[in-house]
Protein backbone atom coordinates (compact mmCIF):
# COMPACT_ATOMS: atom_id res chain seq x y z
CA MET A 1 -189.08 -22.94 92.98
CA THR A 2 -189.15 -27.00 93.53
CA LYS A 3 -191.83 -28.04 95.80
CA LYS A 4 -188.37 -30.06 97.53
CA LEU A 5 -186.91 -26.03 98.67
CA TYR A 6 -190.55 -25.14 99.17
CA LEU A 7 -191.21 -27.78 102.14
CA THR A 8 -187.55 -27.31 102.77
CA GLY A 9 -188.24 -22.73 103.59
CA MET A 10 -191.79 -24.05 105.37
CA ALA A 11 -190.27 -26.73 107.82
CA ILE A 12 -188.05 -23.62 109.10
CA ALA A 13 -191.05 -21.34 108.86
CA ILE A 14 -192.69 -23.69 111.64
CA ALA A 15 -189.78 -24.37 113.61
CA MET A 16 -188.97 -21.21 113.91
CA SER A 17 -192.23 -19.96 114.54
CA ALA A 18 -192.27 -22.27 117.24
CA SER A 19 -189.31 -21.02 119.31
CA MET A 20 -190.80 -17.61 119.07
CA PRO A 21 -191.99 -16.86 123.19
CA ALA A 22 -195.65 -15.89 123.09
CA PHE A 23 -196.12 -12.01 123.71
CA ALA A 24 -199.72 -12.47 126.69
CA GLU A 25 -201.79 -10.17 124.81
CA ASP A 26 -203.00 -8.42 128.15
CA GLU A 27 -199.25 -6.97 128.99
CA TYR A 28 -198.65 -3.95 128.48
CA ASN A 29 -195.71 -1.24 128.98
CA VAL A 30 -196.92 1.38 131.34
CA SER A 31 -195.03 4.21 133.39
CA ASN A 32 -194.71 3.51 137.39
CA GLY A 33 -198.42 5.05 139.11
CA VAL A 34 -200.95 6.00 137.62
CA THR A 35 -202.67 8.91 135.95
CA THR A 36 -206.47 11.42 136.53
CA ALA A 37 -208.11 8.49 134.83
CA GLY A 38 -206.55 6.23 137.71
CA VAL A 39 -204.56 3.49 135.00
CA PRO A 40 -201.19 3.43 134.13
CA LEU A 41 -200.08 5.23 131.31
CA GLY A 42 -198.71 4.08 128.27
CA LEU A 43 -196.48 4.84 125.73
CA HIS A 44 -194.89 7.66 128.26
CA GLY A 45 -197.51 10.44 127.20
CA VAL A 46 -195.89 10.56 123.60
CA ASP A 47 -199.01 10.77 121.04
CA ALA A 48 -199.20 7.56 119.39
CA VAL A 49 -201.37 9.19 116.29
CA ALA A 50 -198.26 11.39 115.34
CA LEU A 51 -195.96 8.58 116.36
CA THR A 52 -198.08 6.40 113.63
CA THR A 53 -198.94 8.91 111.73
CA TYR A 54 -196.64 11.51 111.15
CA ASN A 55 -193.70 9.47 112.08
CA ALA A 56 -192.84 12.28 114.63
CA VAL A 57 -193.12 12.41 118.68
CA ALA A 58 -195.56 14.83 119.81
CA GLU A 59 -196.58 14.85 124.00
CA GLY A 60 -199.74 14.36 125.28
CA ASP A 61 -201.56 16.50 127.70
CA ALA A 62 -203.20 14.82 130.20
CA ALA A 63 -206.55 16.42 129.09
CA HIS A 64 -206.23 14.96 125.95
CA THR A 65 -206.15 11.19 128.32
CA VAL A 66 -208.09 7.55 126.25
CA VAL A 67 -207.80 4.54 128.32
CA GLU A 68 -207.85 1.38 125.83
CA ASP A 69 -207.71 -1.44 128.23
CA GLY A 70 -206.26 -0.31 131.23
CA VAL A 71 -204.31 1.89 129.68
CA ALA A 72 -204.71 5.51 129.40
CA TYR A 73 -202.47 7.41 126.35
CA TYR A 74 -202.42 11.47 126.17
CA PHE A 75 -203.02 12.71 123.44
CA ALA A 76 -202.02 16.13 121.43
CA SER A 77 -204.77 17.30 120.71
CA ALA A 78 -208.63 16.74 120.43
CA GLU A 79 -208.73 15.12 117.18
CA SER A 80 -205.76 12.67 117.63
CA ALA A 81 -207.47 11.62 120.51
CA ARG A 82 -211.00 11.07 118.33
CA LYS A 83 -208.70 9.54 115.36
CA PHE A 84 -207.27 6.71 118.00
CA LYS A 85 -210.99 6.21 119.58
CA THR A 86 -211.91 5.50 116.75
CA ASP A 87 -209.33 3.01 115.56
CA PRO A 88 -207.09 2.02 118.40
CA VAL A 89 -205.90 -1.28 117.03
CA ARG A 90 -204.18 1.24 114.71
CA PHE A 91 -202.68 3.48 116.41
CA ALA A 92 -202.24 1.78 120.06
CA PRO A 93 -198.47 0.10 120.46
CA GLN A 94 -197.83 -3.59 119.27
CA TYR A 95 -196.47 -5.91 121.86
CA GLY A 96 -198.02 -3.85 124.57
CA GLY A 97 -195.18 -1.23 123.47
CA PHE A 98 -192.10 -3.54 124.24
CA CYS A 99 -189.08 -3.93 122.78
CA ALA A 100 -190.31 -5.52 119.35
CA TYR A 101 -186.39 -7.86 119.35
CA ALA A 102 -186.68 -8.25 122.89
CA VAL A 103 -189.93 -9.77 122.48
CA ALA A 104 -188.83 -12.11 120.27
CA LEU A 105 -186.14 -13.21 122.62
CA GLY A 106 -188.59 -13.61 124.93
CA LYS A 107 -187.53 -10.80 126.97
CA LYS A 108 -189.80 -7.75 127.82
CA PHE A 109 -187.28 -4.06 127.55
CA ASP A 110 -189.11 -0.31 127.22
CA GLY A 111 -189.69 0.30 123.84
CA ASP A 112 -188.38 3.78 122.55
């Protein structure tokens, strides 16, 4: 790759990243209302560990609730809840749970 081509590519990448909207870290896609934990529900009650680890949708149970950064997450088992507590950054939804494509366009649509 020539130096000129590399520099052109870098300039394009910088310009594109500067035009992408910033996402506020404290914004989450949560359900209306509050849970028994007193905070809103994230991920529509779906088990985040099952979703990211097994690529499977498992309905969470309020009996296995973990509150992280003001959002309640439900898990299908105590083991899933434990894994989430151990490393919430690994399992929490990116972009606050909003649709990644919409966030790139500066919008907030429900992630599904």
